[in-house]
């Protein structure tokens, strides 16, 4: 007796296996064939009864053969006085056709089931958050087919089959910000301004005749890297802190690094830097708006993230001063940079780092018998000055 599993395997492997199975059955003795016929008929009858009793109107066989079809097959076989071998062959052929229909039906259902699963996942994740705080607000997900139809390309990779203008138009109609409202020339100008920061030396070191001193972008880079020290337990947004560090001195690409020794008051410095930031951000609208928001947040210094980044600004300066003292063998020479930040650190972890710098500096200074130079009076930037950018303000 061949099981249904053997029939299924023969059907899956193609007609050759099924033919061999039939040929094998043809060689069975008449007595065995008669027994097989009787067993198959009995099985058909029992399955038909089971379908009547337990199927509640459903097909009685998993392969799609109904109770009515089974009875009609048996009646037709007896009515035509078919031999046992012919009857078995007909049963096997019918089972093969039913299995093929079942396989075809399951294959047709798979794409529909996959599409339904994808739609459920999209509904469950209708609100998505970007990795960067540039999109700190939730972004409402949009229908894949609508954007694909409007752009004519890949949504995840808009460069494939759709131009930036096409994606911008589709995004604008869907409520999203377009790529850029400025031209490529303005973007290149923005890149050039950022490049100025790579070559502009920090004024404080230049005034103290420090050789091979750091650039503004080098200062901002280490500040940004220091944000990786956050482990989440501080309650601070690490990505936001990183962005604040990258943006906080961006205006210096136009106005330069203004220090208290430049003869510019705080109000004048503030006005110059805000005007510079407006000009810079216009070059990459609408993305520039977000950069301007970050710059304003840092300048106002009200959020926990902006206060932490201000601590990083001072930390990097004293660390740099200590490095120059060690490199140039002039321990305690840059004491003024330590004095200007004394008592201004707020974050507990940053305070620990500053204390460690002080301890190492004191140990080296005592070991080498170094003494600090005379204190340098730092001009007060809170008072309005008559001199701004080297020009007399009264003229």
Protein backbone atom coordinates (compact mmCIF):
# COMPACT_ATOMS: atom_id res chain seq x y z
CA UNK A 1 0.00 0.00 0.00
CA UNK A 2 1.40 3.37 -1.01
CA UNK A 3 0.81 6.21 1.40
CA UNK A 4 -0.43 9.67 0.52
CA UNK A 5 3.03 11.02 1.45
CA UNK A 6 4.58 8.81 -1.25
CA UNK A 7 2.04 10.07 -3.78
CA UNK A 8 2.79 13.68 -2.87
CA UNK A 9 6.54 13.10 -3.16
CA UNK A 10 6.08 11.44 -6.54
CA UNK A 11 3.93 14.33 -7.74
CA UNK A 12 6.46 16.95 -6.59
CA UNK A 13 9.32 15.12 -8.33
CA UNK A 14 7.52 15.23 -11.67
CA UNK A 15 5.83 12.80 -13.96
CA UNK A 16 8.74 10.34 -14.09
CA UNK A 17 8.38 9.36 -10.42
CA UNK A 18 4.63 9.05 -10.76
CA UNK A 19 5.02 6.90 -13.87
CA UNK A 20 7.43 4.58 -12.07
CA UNK A 21 4.96 4.35 -9.22
CA UNK A 22 2.17 3.40 -11.62
CA UNK A 23 4.37 0.87 -13.43
CA UNK A 24 5.24 -0.69 -10.11
CA UNK A 25 1.59 -0.94 -9.27
CA UNK A 26 0.87 -2.51 -12.66
CA UNK A 27 3.18 -5.42 -11.77
CA UNK A 28 1.31 -6.20 -8.58
CA UNK A 29 -0.60 -9.48 -8.62
CA UNK A 30 -4.31 -9.39 -9.23
CA UNK A 31 -5.03 -10.41 -5.68
CA UNK A 32 -2.92 -7.63 -4.30
CA UNK A 33 -4.50 -5.20 -6.75
CA UNK A 34 -7.94 -6.26 -5.70
CA UNK A 35 -6.96 -5.72 -2.06
CA UNK A 36 -5.55 -2.28 -2.90
CA UNK A 37 -8.73 -1.42 -4.76
CA UNK A 38 -10.87 -2.50 -1.83
CA UNK A 39 -8.68 -0.59 0.65
CA UNK A 40 -8.78 2.57 -1.48
CA UNK A 41 -12.54 2.32 -1.88
CA UNK A 42 -12.98 1.78 1.85
CA UNK A 43 -10.71 4.75 2.61
CA UNK A 44 -12.69 6.91 0.17
CA UNK A 45 -15.94 5.90 1.80
CA UNK A 46 -14.66 6.53 5.33
CA UNK A 47 -13.29 9.95 4.34
CA UNK A 48 -16.61 10.79 2.73
CA UNK A 49 -18.41 9.91 5.94
CA UNK A 50 -15.95 11.95 7.96
CA UNK A 51 -16.64 14.87 5.66
CA UNK A 52 -20.36 14.54 6.29
CA UNK A 53 -19.97 14.33 10.05
CA UNK A 54 -17.15 16.75 10.88
CA UNK A 55 -16.54 19.19 8.09
CA UNK A 56 -19.49 21.53 8.74
CA UNK A 57 -19.91 22.24 5.07
CA UNK A 58 -16.15 22.35 4.33
CA UNK A 59 -14.37 20.08 1.83
CA UNK A 60 -13.84 16.71 3.42
CA UNK A 61 -10.30 16.28 2.03
CA UNK A 62 -7.35 18.63 2.48
CA UNK A 63 -6.42 18.15 -1.16
CA UNK A 64 -9.69 19.67 -2.32
CA UNK A 65 -11.61 16.47 -3.28
CA UNK A 66 -15.14 16.71 -1.87
CA UNK A 67 -17.42 14.04 -0.48
CA UNK A 68 -19.69 14.22 -3.51
CA UNK A 69 -16.81 13.79 -5.92
CA UNK A 70 -15.55 10.72 -4.04
CA UNK A 71 -18.91 8.98 -4.17
CA UNK A 72 -19.39 9.80 -7.85
CA UNK A 73 -15.94 8.34 -8.63
CA UNK A 74 -16.82 5.09 -6.88
CA UNK A 75 -20.23 4.82 -8.52
CA UNK A 76 -18.71 5.57 -11.93
CA UNK A 77 -16.05 2.92 -11.44
CA UNK A 78 -18.59 0.23 -10.48
CA UNK A 79 -20.98 1.30 -13.22
CA UNK A 80 -18.36 0.94 -15.93
CA UNK A 81 -17.10 -2.43 -14.59
CA UNK A 82 -13.51 -1.15 -14.51
CA UNK A 83 -10.76 -3.55 -13.56
CA UNK A 84 -9.09 -3.12 -10.21
CA UNK A 85 -5.91 -1.92 -11.87
CA UNK A 86 -7.77 0.70 -13.94
CA UNK A 87 -9.66 1.87 -10.90
CA UNK A 88 -6.47 2.30 -8.88
CA UNK A 89 -4.84 4.18 -11.74
CA UNK A 90 -7.82 6.52 -11.94
CA UNK A 91 -7.68 7.10 -8.18
CA UNK A 92 -3.97 7.88 -8.40
CA UNK A 93 -4.48 10.28 -11.30
CA UNK A 94 -7.29 12.03 -9.42
CA UNK A 95 -5.09 12.36 -6.34
CA UNK A 96 -2.27 13.77 -8.46
CA UNK A 97 -4.55 16.39 -9.99
CA UNK A 98 -5.91 17.35 -6.56
CA UNK A 99 -2.41 17.74 -5.16
CA UNK A 100 -1.38 19.93 -8.12
CA UNK A 101 -4.42 22.15 -7.58
CA UNK A 102 -3.62 22.39 -3.88
CA UNK A 103 -0.01 23.41 -4.61
CA UNK A 104 -1.14 25.97 -7.18
CA UNK A 105 -3.68 27.43 -4.73
CA UNK A 106 -1.09 27.75 -1.94
CA UNK A 107 1.41 29.41 -4.30
CA UNK A 108 -1.19 31.94 -5.38
CA UNK A 109 -1.96 32.81 -1.74
CA UNK A 110 1.68 33.52 -0.76
CA UNK A 111 2.03 36.99 -2.44
CA UNK A 112 -1.31 38.07 -0.93
CA UNK A 113 -0.24 36.87 2.53
CA UNK A 114 3.15 38.65 2.21
CA UNK A 115 1.48 41.87 1.11
CA UNK A 116 -0.97 41.70 4.02
CA UNK A 117 1.93 41.19 6.46
CA UNK A 118 3.79 44.18 5.02
CA UNK A 119 0.71 46.38 5.35
CA UNK A 120 0.27 45.34 8.99
CA UNK A 121 3.91 46.18 9.72
CA UNK A 122 3.50 49.60 8.08
CA UNK A 123 0.44 50.29 10.21
CA UNK A 124 2.26 49.27 13.38
CA UNK A 125 5.17 51.59 12.54
CA UNK A 126 3.16 54.52 11.21
CA UNK A 127 5.28 56.89 13.30
CA UNK A 128 9.03 56.71 12.74
CA UNK A 129 11.91 58.61 14.33
CA UNK A 130 15.09 59.52 12.48
CA UNK A 131 18.53 58.75 13.92
CA UNK A 132 19.47 62.40 13.87
CA UNK A 133 17.83 65.15 15.91
CA UNK A 134 17.49 66.98 12.59
CA UNK A 135 14.23 65.09 12.55
CA UNK A 136 13.59 64.93 16.26
CA UNK A 137 9.86 65.29 15.61
CA UNK A 138 8.03 62.15 14.45
CA UNK A 139 7.84 61.68 10.71
CA UNK A 140 4.51 60.33 9.52
CA UNK A 141 5.20 57.41 7.20
CA UNK A 142 3.64 57.61 3.76
CA UNK A 143 2.22 55.04 1.43
CA UNK A 144 4.91 53.33 -0.55
CA UNK A 145 2.88 53.04 -3.72
CA UNK A 146 1.89 56.73 -3.74
CA UNK A 147 5.47 57.99 -3.51
CA UNK A 148 6.71 55.41 -5.99
CA UNK A 149 4.04 56.44 -8.47
CA UNK A 150 4.80 60.14 -8.05
CA UNK A 151 8.58 59.78 -8.30
CA UNK A 152 8.77 56.95 -10.78
CA UNK A 153 11.66 55.42 -8.83
CA UNK A 154 12.84 53.74 -5.69
CA UNK A 155 11.63 55.51 -2.53
CA UNK A 156 14.54 54.31 -0.42
CA UNK A 157 17.01 55.29 -3.14
CA UNK A 158 15.50 58.35 -4.87
CA UNK A 159 18.51 58.60 -7.15
CA UNK A 160 17.37 55.42 -8.91
CA UNK A 161 14.94 56.48 -11.60
CA UNK A 162 14.01 59.87 -10.14
CA UNK A 163 15.75 63.22 -9.99
CA UNK A 164 16.08 65.32 -6.85
CA UNK A 165 13.51 67.70 -8.31
CA UNK A 166 11.01 64.86 -8.76
CA UNK A 167 11.54 63.66 -5.21
CA UNK A 168 11.24 67.24 -3.94
CA UNK A 169 7.93 67.72 -5.74
CA UNK A 170 6.56 64.43 -4.46
CA UNK A 171 7.76 65.15 -0.92
CA UNK A 172 6.27 68.64 -0.98
CA UNK A 173 2.89 67.27 -2.07
CA UNK A 174 3.10 64.69 0.72
CA UNK A 175 3.96 67.29 3.36
CA UNK A 176 7.71 66.62 3.60
CA UNK A 177 10.52 69.11 3.12
CA UNK A 178 12.10 69.15 -0.34
CA UNK A 179 15.77 68.32 -0.90
CA UNK A 180 17.02 71.89 -1.42
CA UNK A 181 15.47 75.11 -2.60
CA UNK A 182 18.88 76.48 -3.55
CA UNK A 183 21.11 75.67 -6.49
CA UNK A 184 24.28 73.64 -6.70
CA UNK A 185 26.36 76.82 -6.75
CA UNK A 186 25.05 77.84 -3.33
CA UNK A 187 25.77 74.39 -1.93
CA UNK A 188 29.36 74.55 -3.19
CA UNK A 189 29.69 77.98 -1.58
CA UNK A 190 28.47 76.47 1.70
CA UNK A 191 31.10 73.75 1.40
CA UNK A 192 33.78 76.35 0.75
CA UNK A 193 32.81 78.32 3.84
CA UNK A 194 33.03 75.18 5.98
CA UNK A 195 36.44 74.56 4.42
CA UNK A 196 37.62 77.91 5.86
CA UNK A 197 37.31 76.39 9.32
CA UNK A 198 39.92 73.76 8.44
CA UNK A 199 42.54 76.43 7.82
CA UNK A 200 41.59 79.19 10.28
CA UNK A 201 43.71 79.08 13.43
CA UNK A 202 42.19 79.68 16.84
CA UNK A 203 42.90 83.28 17.80
CA UNK A 204 43.84 82.60 21.43
CA UNK A 205 46.83 80.46 20.45
CA UNK A 206 47.90 82.82 17.68
CA UNK A 207 48.02 85.73 20.16
CA UNK A 208 50.22 83.62 22.46
CA UNK A 209 52.63 82.72 19.65
CA UNK A 210 51.86 79.00 19.77
CA UNK A 211 53.47 77.25 16.82
CA UNK A 212 51.40 74.92 14.67
CA UNK A 213 48.25 75.60 16.66
CA UNK A 214 44.89 74.00 16.11
CA UNK A 215 42.24 75.10 13.60
CA UNK A 216 38.63 75.91 14.43
CA UNK A 217 37.38 72.72 12.78
CA UNK A 218 39.91 70.66 14.78
CA UNK A 219 38.50 72.16 17.96
CA UNK A 220 34.92 71.36 16.95
CA UNK A 221 35.86 67.84 15.86
CA UNK A 222 37.25 66.84 19.25
CA UNK A 223 34.23 68.36 20.95
CA UNK A 224 31.99 66.25 18.73
CA UNK A 225 33.99 63.11 19.48
CA UNK A 226 33.67 63.76 23.21
CA UNK A 227 29.90 63.29 22.91
CA UNK A 228 30.59 59.57 22.51
CA UNK A 229 31.50 59.56 26.20
CA UNK A 230 27.79 59.81 26.98
CA UNK A 231 26.26 56.44 27.85
CA UNK A 232 22.61 57.44 28.13
CA UNK A 233 22.50 57.57 31.93
CA UNK A 234 22.90 61.37 31.91
CA UNK A 235 19.54 61.96 30.27
CA UNK A 236 21.16 63.84 27.39
CA UNK A 237 20.48 63.42 23.68
CA UNK A 238 23.86 62.32 22.35
CA UNK A 239 23.11 63.08 18.69
CA UNK A 240 21.84 66.53 19.56
CA UNK A 241 24.99 67.25 21.59
CA UNK A 242 27.11 66.16 18.64
CA UNK A 243 25.24 68.47 16.27
CA UNK A 244 25.53 71.40 18.67
CA UNK A 245 29.28 70.84 18.86
CA UNK A 246 29.57 70.82 15.06
CA UNK A 247 27.49 73.99 14.64
CA UNK A 248 28.50 76.20 17.56
CA UNK A 249 31.50 77.90 15.85
CA UNK A 250 30.18 77.75 12.27
CA UNK A 251 29.78 81.55 12.08
CA UNK A 252 33.56 81.89 12.51
CA UNK A 253 33.95 80.74 8.91
CA UNK A 254 32.91 84.31 8.00
CA UNK A 255 33.70 86.54 10.99
CA UNK A 256 36.72 84.66 12.38
CA UNK A 257 37.47 83.63 15.95
CA UNK A 258 36.69 86.72 18.05
CA UNK A 259 38.24 86.78 21.54
CA UNK A 260 38.10 89.37 24.34
CA UNK A 261 41.44 90.72 23.03
CA UNK A 262 39.90 91.62 19.65
CA UNK A 263 38.24 94.78 20.97
CA UNK A 264 34.71 93.65 20.17
CA UNK A 265 31.95 93.68 22.75
CA UNK A 266 29.73 90.68 23.41
CA UNK A 267 26.73 92.36 21.83
CA UNK A 268 28.66 93.25 18.69
CA UNK A 269 30.14 89.76 18.49
CA UNK A 270 26.71 88.23 18.90
CA UNK A 271 25.18 90.43 16.18
CA UNK A 272 28.02 89.67 13.76
CA UNK A 273 27.78 85.93 14.30
CA UNK A 274 24.00 85.78 13.96
CA UNK A 275 24.17 87.73 10.71
CA UNK A 276 26.88 85.38 9.45
CA UNK A 277 24.78 82.34 10.36
CA UNK A 278 21.78 83.75 8.48
CA UNK A 279 23.90 84.18 5.36
CA UNK A 280 25.40 80.70 5.69
CA UNK A 281 22.09 78.93 6.30
CA UNK A 282 20.44 80.58 3.30
CA UNK A 283 22.84 78.66 1.08
CA UNK A 284 21.32 75.27 1.96
CA UNK A 285 17.65 76.01 2.57
CA UNK A 286 15.48 74.44 3.84
CA UNK A 287 18.12 72.44 5.74
CA UNK A 288 19.77 75.63 6.95
CA UNK A 289 16.80 76.40 9.16
CA UNK A 290 17.66 73.47 11.40
CA UNK A 291 21.31 74.52 11.66
CA UNK A 292 20.18 77.99 12.68
CA UNK A 293 17.97 76.49 15.39
CA UNK A 294 20.91 74.54 16.77
CA UNK A 295 23.12 77.64 16.77
CA UNK A 296 20.47 79.65 18.62
CA UNK A 297 20.04 76.85 21.16
CA UNK A 298 23.76 76.85 21.90
CA UNK A 299 23.93 80.63 22.19
CA UNK A 300 20.97 80.83 24.56
CA UNK A 301 22.43 78.06 26.72
CA UNK A 302 19.14 77.07 28.34
CA UNK A 303 18.86 73.38 27.46
CA UNK A 304 20.77 70.60 29.21
CA UNK A 305 22.44 69.66 25.91
CA UNK A 306 23.66 73.21 25.20
CA UNK A 307 25.08 73.52 28.73
CA UNK A 308 26.91 70.22 28.35
CA UNK A 309 28.38 71.25 24.98
CA UNK A 310 29.54 74.55 26.51
CA UNK A 311 31.36 72.49 29.12
CA UNK A 312 32.97 70.51 26.29
CA UNK A 313 34.06 73.80 24.69
CA UNK A 314 35.91 74.84 27.84
CA UNK A 315 37.21 71.31 28.47
CA UNK A 316 38.78 71.11 25.02
CA UNK A 317 40.46 74.49 25.53
CA UNK A 318 42.14 73.60 28.85
CA UNK A 319 43.12 70.20 27.50
CA UNK A 320 44.68 71.88 24.47
CA UNK A 321 46.53 74.35 26.68
CA UNK A 322 47.97 71.47 28.72
CA UNK A 323 49.01 69.65 25.54
CA UNK A 324 50.87 72.72 24.24
CA UNK A 325 52.61 73.17 27.58
CA UNK A 326 53.87 69.58 27.44
CA UNK A 327 54.76 69.69 23.75
CA UNK A 328 56.65 72.99 23.94
CA UNK A 329 58.18 72.28 27.36
CA UNK A 330 56.65 75.41 28.88
CA UNK A 331 54.65 74.08 31.80
CA UNK A 332 52.17 76.52 33.39
CA UNK A 333 52.78 79.05 30.59
CA UNK A 334 49.12 79.03 29.49
CA UNK A 335 47.69 79.56 32.95
CA UNK A 336 45.36 82.29 31.66
CA UNK A 337 43.25 79.69 29.84
CA UNK A 338 42.78 77.78 33.08
CA UNK A 339 41.97 80.96 35.00
CA UNK A 340 39.32 82.01 32.47
CA UNK A 341 37.40 78.74 32.96
CA UNK A 342 37.82 78.41 36.73
CA UNK A 343 34.52 77.47 38.42
CA UNK A 344 32.54 77.51 35.15
CA UNK A 345 32.18 73.76 34.61
CA UNK A 346 28.80 72.24 35.47
CA UNK A 347 28.56 68.63 34.30
CA UNK A 348 29.85 66.17 36.96
CA UNK A 349 31.74 63.98 34.51
CA UNK A 350 33.38 66.96 32.81
CA UNK A 351 34.42 68.26 36.24
CA UNK A 352 36.18 64.95 36.93
CA UNK A 353 38.08 65.21 33.65
CA UNK A 354 39.12 68.79 34.41
CA UNK A 355 40.30 67.80 37.90
CA UNK A 356 42.38 65.00 36.36
CA UNK A 357 44.01 67.51 33.99
CA UNK A 358 44.81 69.81 36.92
CA UNK A 359 46.35 66.97 38.93
CA UNK A 360 48.56 65.76 36.09
CA UNK A 361 49.60 69.34 35.34
CA UNK A 362 50.52 70.04 38.94
CA UNK A 363 52.57 66.84 39.18
CA UNK A 364 54.56 67.73 36.06
CA UNK A 365 55.03 71.34 37.13
CA UNK A 366 56.40 70.35 40.57
CA UNK A 367 58.65 67.69 39.06
CA UNK A 368 60.16 70.28 36.70
CA UNK A 369 60.13 73.21 39.13
CA UNK A 370 57.88 75.26 36.84
CA UNK A 371 56.26 78.45 38.05
CA UNK A 372 53.25 80.19 36.49
CA UNK A 373 53.85 83.46 34.61
CA UNK A 374 52.33 86.75 35.82
CA UNK A 375 48.58 86.87 35.51
CA UNK A 376 47.21 88.39 32.32
CA UNK A 377 44.26 90.73 32.58
CA UNK A 378 41.50 89.68 30.22
CA UNK A 379 39.43 92.56 28.78
CA UNK A 380 35.78 92.67 29.76
CA UNK A 381 33.65 91.98 26.70
CA UNK A 382 30.46 93.04 28.46
CA UNK A 383 31.37 96.75 28.02
CA UNK A 384 30.63 98.27 24.60
CA UNK A 385 33.82 99.05 22.74
CA UNK A 386 34.59 101.86 20.33
CA UNK A 387 36.64 99.52 18.24
CA UNK A 388 34.98 96.73 16.27
CA UNK A 389 36.85 94.60 13.81
CA UNK A 390 39.73 97.10 13.84
CA UNK A 391 37.55 100.08 12.91
CA UNK A 392 36.49 102.96 15.09
CA UNK A 393 32.82 102.57 15.87
CA UNK A 394 32.28 106.33 16.05
CA UNK A 395 33.06 106.84 12.38
